[in-house]
Amino acid sequence: MVNLEGIGLKERGIGEFEGLARLTDKFITHRRLFSDTQSVIPEVARVLEEDAQKIREKLLKQYTDLSIAASFESDKKVYDEARLAIVAEYFKSHLNFHWDVLSPELFQLERTERFPVNSNRGNFITASIPLFCSAGWGETGVLEKKYNLPPPAERPWEKNTLEVETSIPPVSKSAKEQARKFYAECARIYASGLEHPILGQGLLGLEAEWKREDGDLTCIEPENYTNPHLFNLGLFWIPKSEELHLRANIIDKDPLLIGFVHKTPYLVAQWDVHGEEPYQHYLKEYTESKAKE
């Protein structure tokens, strides 16, 4: 049995580890509005899109008001944080039609295990390490990590290091297709946002400068444009016990493909490696708002 530690496990009804699919399902905070396998009544889709458009218009007004106000303040940190939150919501108003939104708390979970310190003497220590290993999109090969473990209470002078060697899971064909769709949608939203004179400058990583002339506000466009990466993909999986050199039960190594847009994680794809159980169970209690599929 794998012991989990983290925020909100009890509230979500999570006890022992029952599989990554169930775990992930309980960490969904907003379920996608449209399903890949079910058709949506056109009238329902139209109403949902109209509601989303009203939200976007409200967000754009808030962003513009904050940008103007920030131009007259020396300390822009509070305004910057507020504007970043608005940009995240702007993307979410588009992306949550097709992808579930996950709680960042999922990636803060830890696993508690007994680690053999010296198998000849039969010494063990109990420690917690992050549940997931992760890699960037396109990375392959073997991931090597090290964790410094706390010393046993009876031998506080000992220094123990846990070395992890885990192969990065292969990406399935369907996951690659989902990755392409996710990037395409993010790029479309990004391009659409650039058309807005104020939000567009924010998306480019620019601070709009303002001045008053004859009582009117005039926006001064910066000279140099930069284009930061607003969205990216990451691969997350739970290493097998033998890859951690633990004496514990083997955990299924099914991976998750997560899209991050302004720190908001989206479940882009999940698939099965080596025939372990498929991904459809463990996120429900982390759902803050559910939409009917």
Protein backbone atom coordinates (compact mmCIF):
# COMPACT_ATOMS: atom_id res chain seq x y z
CA MET A 1 0.00 0.00 0.00
CA VAL A 2 1.24 3.48 -0.87
CA ASN A 3 0.67 6.19 1.71
CA LEU A 4 -0.16 9.61 0.30
CA GLU A 5 0.38 12.99 1.93
CA GLY A 6 -0.95 16.35 0.77
CA ILE A 7 -3.52 19.09 1.11
CA GLY A 8 -7.19 18.08 1.10
CA LEU A 9 -6.82 14.31 0.83
CA LYS A 10 -9.30 13.67 3.62
CA GLU A 11 -11.83 16.17 2.23
CA ARG A 12 -11.67 14.44 -1.14
CA GLY A 13 -12.17 11.02 0.38
CA ILE A 14 -8.72 9.80 -0.63
CA GLY A 15 -7.20 7.16 1.57
CA GLU A 16 -4.82 4.64 0.13
CA PHE A 17 -3.63 4.86 -3.45
CA GLU A 18 -6.15 3.24 -5.82
CA GLY A 19 -4.59 4.16 -9.14
CA LEU A 20 -3.60 7.36 -10.90
CA ALA A 21 -6.82 7.59 -12.90
CA ARG A 22 -8.98 7.76 -9.78
CA LEU A 23 -6.55 10.12 -8.10
CA THR A 24 -6.54 12.51 -11.04
CA ASP A 25 -10.33 12.49 -11.30
CA LYS A 26 -10.65 13.74 -7.72
CA PHE A 27 -8.41 16.72 -8.44
CA ILE A 28 -10.51 18.18 -11.28
CA THR A 29 -11.71 21.66 -10.31
CA HIS A 30 -13.71 22.35 -13.48
CA ARG A 31 -14.96 19.74 -15.92
CA ARG A 32 -14.82 20.44 -19.61
CA LEU A 33 -18.07 21.62 -21.16
CA PHE A 34 -17.80 19.53 -24.34
CA SER A 35 -16.96 15.84 -24.55
CA ASP A 36 -14.92 14.27 -27.34
CA THR A 37 -17.32 11.33 -27.46
CA GLN A 38 -20.70 13.05 -27.09
CA SER A 39 -22.36 15.51 -29.43
CA VAL A 40 -23.67 18.82 -28.09
CA ILE A 41 -27.01 20.30 -29.06
CA PRO A 42 -26.21 23.37 -31.21
CA GLU A 43 -28.54 25.60 -29.20
CA VAL A 44 -26.83 24.58 -25.96
CA ALA A 45 -23.41 25.21 -27.47
CA ARG A 46 -24.51 28.66 -28.65
CA VAL A 47 -25.80 29.64 -25.21
CA LEU A 48 -22.61 28.43 -23.52
CA GLU A 49 -20.44 30.37 -25.97
CA GLU A 50 -22.52 33.54 -25.50
CA ASP A 51 -22.11 33.26 -21.72
CA ALA A 52 -18.37 32.75 -22.14
CA GLN A 53 -18.14 35.79 -24.42
CA LYS A 54 -19.82 37.97 -21.77
CA ILE A 55 -17.24 36.80 -19.26
CA ARG A 56 -14.41 37.66 -21.68
CA GLU A 57 -15.76 41.14 -22.28
CA LYS A 58 -15.92 41.72 -18.54
CA LEU A 59 -12.36 40.44 -18.13
CA LEU A 60 -11.09 42.72 -20.90
CA LYS A 61 -12.65 45.75 -19.23
CA GLN A 62 -11.12 44.82 -15.89
CA TYR A 63 -7.73 44.32 -17.52
CA THR A 64 -7.91 47.70 -19.25
CA ASP A 65 -8.94 49.50 -16.06
CA LEU A 66 -6.09 47.89 -14.12
CA SER A 67 -3.56 48.73 -16.84
CA ILE A 68 -4.55 52.39 -16.82
CA ALA A 69 -4.46 52.55 -13.02
CA ALA A 70 -1.05 50.84 -12.89
CA SER A 71 0.44 53.46 -15.20
CA PHE A 72 0.08 56.07 -12.46
CA GLU A 73 1.56 53.94 -9.66
CA SER A 74 5.21 53.47 -8.78
CA ASP A 75 4.63 50.02 -7.26
CA LYS A 76 2.98 47.95 -9.98
CA LYS A 77 3.37 44.52 -8.33
CA VAL A 78 -0.20 44.31 -7.04
CA TYR A 79 -1.56 45.39 -10.42
CA ASP A 80 0.68 42.92 -12.26
CA GLU A 81 -0.55 40.01 -10.14
CA ALA A 82 -4.16 41.02 -10.71
CA ARG A 83 -3.66 41.30 -14.45
CA LEU A 84 -1.97 37.91 -14.64
CA ALA A 85 -4.96 36.41 -12.84
CA ILE A 86 -7.28 38.01 -15.41
CA VAL A 87 -5.22 36.63 -18.30
CA ALA A 88 -5.43 33.15 -16.75
CA GLU A 89 -9.22 33.49 -16.53
CA TYR A 90 -9.36 34.77 -20.12
CA PHE A 91 -7.60 31.64 -21.37
CA LYS A 92 -9.72 29.46 -19.10
CA SER A 93 -12.92 30.88 -20.61
CA HIS A 94 -11.80 29.31 -23.89
CA LEU A 95 -9.91 26.19 -22.81
CA ASN A 96 -12.44 24.80 -20.35
CA PHE A 97 -14.76 23.96 -23.24
CA HIS A 98 -12.50 21.04 -24.17
CA TRP A 99 -10.12 20.27 -21.27
CA ASP A 100 -10.59 19.57 -17.57
CA VAL A 101 -8.94 22.02 -15.18
CA LEU A 102 -6.85 20.41 -12.44
CA SER A 103 -6.00 21.63 -8.97
CA PRO A 104 -2.27 22.45 -8.60
CA GLU A 105 -2.48 20.54 -5.31
CA LEU A 106 -2.35 17.30 -7.30
CA PHE A 107 1.29 17.96 -8.16
CA GLN A 108 2.17 18.75 -4.55
CA LEU A 109 1.26 15.27 -3.30
CA GLU A 110 3.92 13.14 -1.67
CA ARG A 111 4.35 9.43 -1.11
CA THR A 112 5.56 8.08 2.23
CA GLU A 113 7.65 4.92 2.09
CA ARG A 114 10.09 2.87 4.15
CA PHE A 115 13.52 3.17 2.63
CA PRO A 116 16.20 0.50 3.24
CA VAL A 117 19.27 2.34 4.54
CA ASN A 118 21.45 -0.71 4.97
CA SER A 119 19.83 -3.95 3.89
CA ASN A 120 22.54 -6.04 5.60
CA ARG A 121 21.61 -4.63 8.99
CA GLY A 122 17.93 -4.41 8.19
CA ASN A 123 17.78 -0.69 8.90
CA PHE A 124 14.93 1.37 7.44
CA ILE A 125 13.80 4.96 7.64
CA THR A 126 10.40 6.39 6.78
CA ALA A 127 10.39 9.51 4.62
CA SER A 128 8.24 11.41 2.13
CA ILE A 129 9.20 12.31 -1.43
CA PRO A 130 7.19 13.91 -4.27
CA LEU A 131 4.66 11.51 -5.78
CA PHE A 132 5.32 12.55 -9.38
CA CYS A 133 8.32 12.76 -11.62
CA SER A 134 8.00 15.14 -14.55
CA ALA A 135 9.62 15.95 -17.87
CA GLY A 136 9.19 18.60 -20.51
CA TRP A 137 7.37 17.95 -23.77
CA GLY A 138 9.68 16.15 -26.18
CA GLU A 139 12.12 14.87 -23.56
CA THR A 140 13.10 11.21 -23.85
CA GLY A 141 15.49 8.81 -22.20
CA VAL A 142 16.16 8.36 -18.49
CA LEU A 143 15.42 10.93 -15.80
CA GLU A 144 17.82 10.97 -12.84
CA LYS A 145 16.88 12.65 -9.57
CA LYS A 146 18.24 12.69 -6.03
CA TYR A 147 16.41 13.31 -2.76
CA ASN A 148 18.08 13.96 0.58
CA LEU A 149 16.34 11.85 3.21
CA PRO A 150 16.13 12.78 6.89
CA PRO A 151 18.38 10.69 9.18
CA PRO A 152 16.90 8.11 11.53
CA ALA A 153 16.11 9.44 14.99
CA GLU A 154 18.57 7.03 16.59
CA ARG A 155 21.38 7.99 14.13
CA PRO A 156 21.01 11.75 13.50
CA TRP A 157 24.52 11.97 12.06
CA GLU A 158 23.70 9.83 9.03
CA LYS A 159 23.24 11.40 5.61
CA ASN A 160 21.07 9.36 3.26
CA THR A 161 20.37 10.11 -0.38
CA LEU A 162 17.70 8.43 -2.45
CA GLU A 163 18.70 8.12 -6.10
CA VAL A 164 15.96 7.76 -8.70
CA GLU A 165 16.47 6.50 -12.23
CA THR A 166 13.21 6.34 -14.14
CA SER A 167 12.64 6.08 -17.86
CA ILE A 168 10.44 8.82 -19.33
CA PRO A 169 7.22 7.14 -20.53
CA PRO A 170 6.61 7.03 -24.28
CA VAL A 171 3.90 9.37 -25.60
CA SER A 172 1.01 7.63 -27.32
CA LYS A 173 -0.22 8.64 -30.77
CA SER A 174 -3.52 9.90 -29.36
CA ALA A 175 -1.70 11.97 -26.71
CA LYS A 176 0.42 13.59 -29.42
CA GLU A 177 -2.76 14.51 -31.28
CA GLN A 178 -4.25 16.01 -28.12
CA ALA A 179 -1.03 17.97 -27.60
CA ARG A 180 -1.30 19.38 -31.11
CA LYS A 181 -4.92 20.42 -30.53
CA PHE A 182 -4.05 22.02 -27.19
CA TYR A 183 -1.18 24.05 -28.67
CA ALA A 184 -3.35 25.07 -31.63
CA GLU A 185 -6.15 26.30 -29.35
CA CYS A 186 -3.73 28.20 -27.10
CA ALA A 187 -2.16 29.85 -30.15
CA ARG A 188 -5.60 30.81 -31.45
CA ILE A 189 -6.56 32.39 -28.12
CA TYR A 190 -3.20 34.14 -27.96
CA ALA A 191 -3.59 35.56 -31.47
CA SER A 192 -7.12 36.70 -30.70
CA GLY A 193 -5.94 38.42 -27.51
CA LEU A 194 -3.21 40.25 -29.40
CA GLU A 195 -5.88 42.05 -31.41
CA HIS A 196 -7.04 43.84 -28.26
CA PRO A 197 -4.90 47.02 -27.90
CA ILE A 198 -4.38 46.69 -24.13
CA LEU A 199 -4.50 42.95 -23.51
CA GLY A 200 -2.32 42.47 -26.58
CA GLN A 201 0.48 44.48 -25.03
CA GLY A 202 0.15 42.50 -21.83
CA LEU A 203 0.39 39.20 -23.73
CA LEU A 204 3.58 40.44 -25.33
CA GLY A 205 5.04 41.04 -21.91
CA LEU A 206 4.88 44.81 -22.28
CA GLU A 207 3.97 47.53 -19.84
CA ALA A 208 1.74 50.07 -21.51
CA GLU A 209 2.73 53.64 -20.76
CA TRP A 210 0.10 56.30 -20.49
CA LYS A 211 0.09 60.09 -20.46
CA ARG A 212 -2.57 62.78 -20.40
CA GLU A 213 -2.85 65.30 -23.19
CA ASP A 214 -5.57 67.90 -22.96
CA GLY A 215 -7.40 65.74 -20.47
CA ASP A 216 -7.34 62.64 -22.70
CA LEU A 217 -5.43 59.45 -21.97
CA THR A 218 -2.96 58.44 -24.68
CA CYS A 219 -1.24 55.07 -24.83
CA ILE A 220 2.46 55.16 -25.74
CA GLU A 221 3.50 51.97 -27.48
CA PRO A 222 6.87 50.54 -26.35
CA GLU A 223 9.59 50.25 -28.96
CA ASN A 224 10.69 46.66 -28.39
CA TYR A 225 8.33 43.69 -28.50
CA THR A 226 9.00 40.42 -26.75
CA ASN A 227 7.01 37.21 -26.92
CA PRO A 228 7.22 35.02 -23.80
CA HIS A 229 5.99 31.44 -23.69
CA LEU A 230 2.52 31.66 -22.19
CA PHE A 231 1.73 27.97 -22.41
CA ASN A 232 3.63 24.70 -22.32
CA LEU A 233 3.17 20.97 -21.86
CA GLY A 234 4.61 18.69 -19.21
CA LEU A 235 4.64 14.92 -18.73
CA PHE A 236 3.93 13.59 -15.22
CA TRP A 237 4.15 10.01 -13.98
CA ILE A 238 4.64 8.00 -10.80
CA PRO A 239 7.91 6.04 -10.82
CA LYS A 240 7.88 2.36 -10.06
CA SER A 241 9.19 1.27 -6.70
CA GLU A 242 12.25 -0.47 -8.10
CA GLU A 243 13.24 2.77 -9.81
CA LEU A 244 13.32 4.36 -6.36
CA HIS A 245 15.10 1.36 -4.86
CA LEU A 246 12.23 0.98 -2.40
CA ARG A 247 10.77 -2.09 -0.77
CA ALA A 248 7.16 -1.40 -1.65
CA ASN A 249 4.42 -2.39 -4.06
CA ILE A 250 4.91 -1.44 -7.71
CA ILE A 251 2.87 1.55 -8.83
CA ASP A 252 1.41 1.69 -12.32
CA LYS A 253 3.43 3.97 -14.56
CA ASP A 254 0.61 5.49 -16.62
CA PRO A 255 1.49 9.09 -17.56
CA LEU A 256 -0.46 12.35 -17.62
CA LEU A 257 0.05 15.07 -20.23
CA ILE A 258 -0.57 18.41 -18.54
CA GLY A 259 -0.89 21.77 -20.27
CA PHE A 260 0.05 24.81 -18.20
CA VAL A 261 -1.39 28.20 -19.12
CA HIS A 262 -0.47 30.96 -16.69
CA LYS A 263 0.07 28.39 -13.92
CA THR A 264 -3.35 26.79 -14.54
CA PRO A 265 -2.97 23.03 -15.21
CA TYR A 266 -5.20 21.39 -17.83
CA LEU A 267 -5.56 17.65 -18.32
CA VAL A 268 -4.63 17.31 -22.01
CA ALA A 269 -4.25 13.53 -22.24
CA GLN A 270 -3.86 10.36 -20.20
CA TRP A 271 -2.93 6.96 -21.53
CA ASP A 272 -1.89 3.46 -20.66
CA VAL A 273 1.71 2.20 -20.74
CA HIS A 274 2.24 -1.58 -20.74
CA GLY A 275 -1.44 -2.36 -20.31
CA GLU A 276 -2.08 -1.08 -16.79
CA GLU A 277 -5.61 -0.02 -15.93
CA PRO A 278 -6.91 2.91 -18.01
CA TYR A 279 -7.33 6.43 -16.70
CA GLN A 280 -10.82 7.18 -15.62
CA HIS A 281 -11.10 7.35 -11.92
CA TYR A 282 -9.91 9.42 -8.90
CA LEU A 283 -10.52 13.22 -9.29
CA LYS A 284 -14.20 13.74 -8.45
CA GLU A 285 -14.04 15.20 -4.95
CA TYR A 286 -11.63 17.93 -6.00
CA THR A 287 -14.28 19.26 -8.39
CA GLU A 288 -15.29 22.80 -7.44
CA SER A 289 -17.69 23.21 -10.34
CA LYS A 290 -19.04 20.57 -12.72
CA ALA A 291 -20.49 20.99 -16.16
CA LYS A 292 -22.68 18.37 -17.71
CA GLU A 293 -21.07 16.52 -20.55
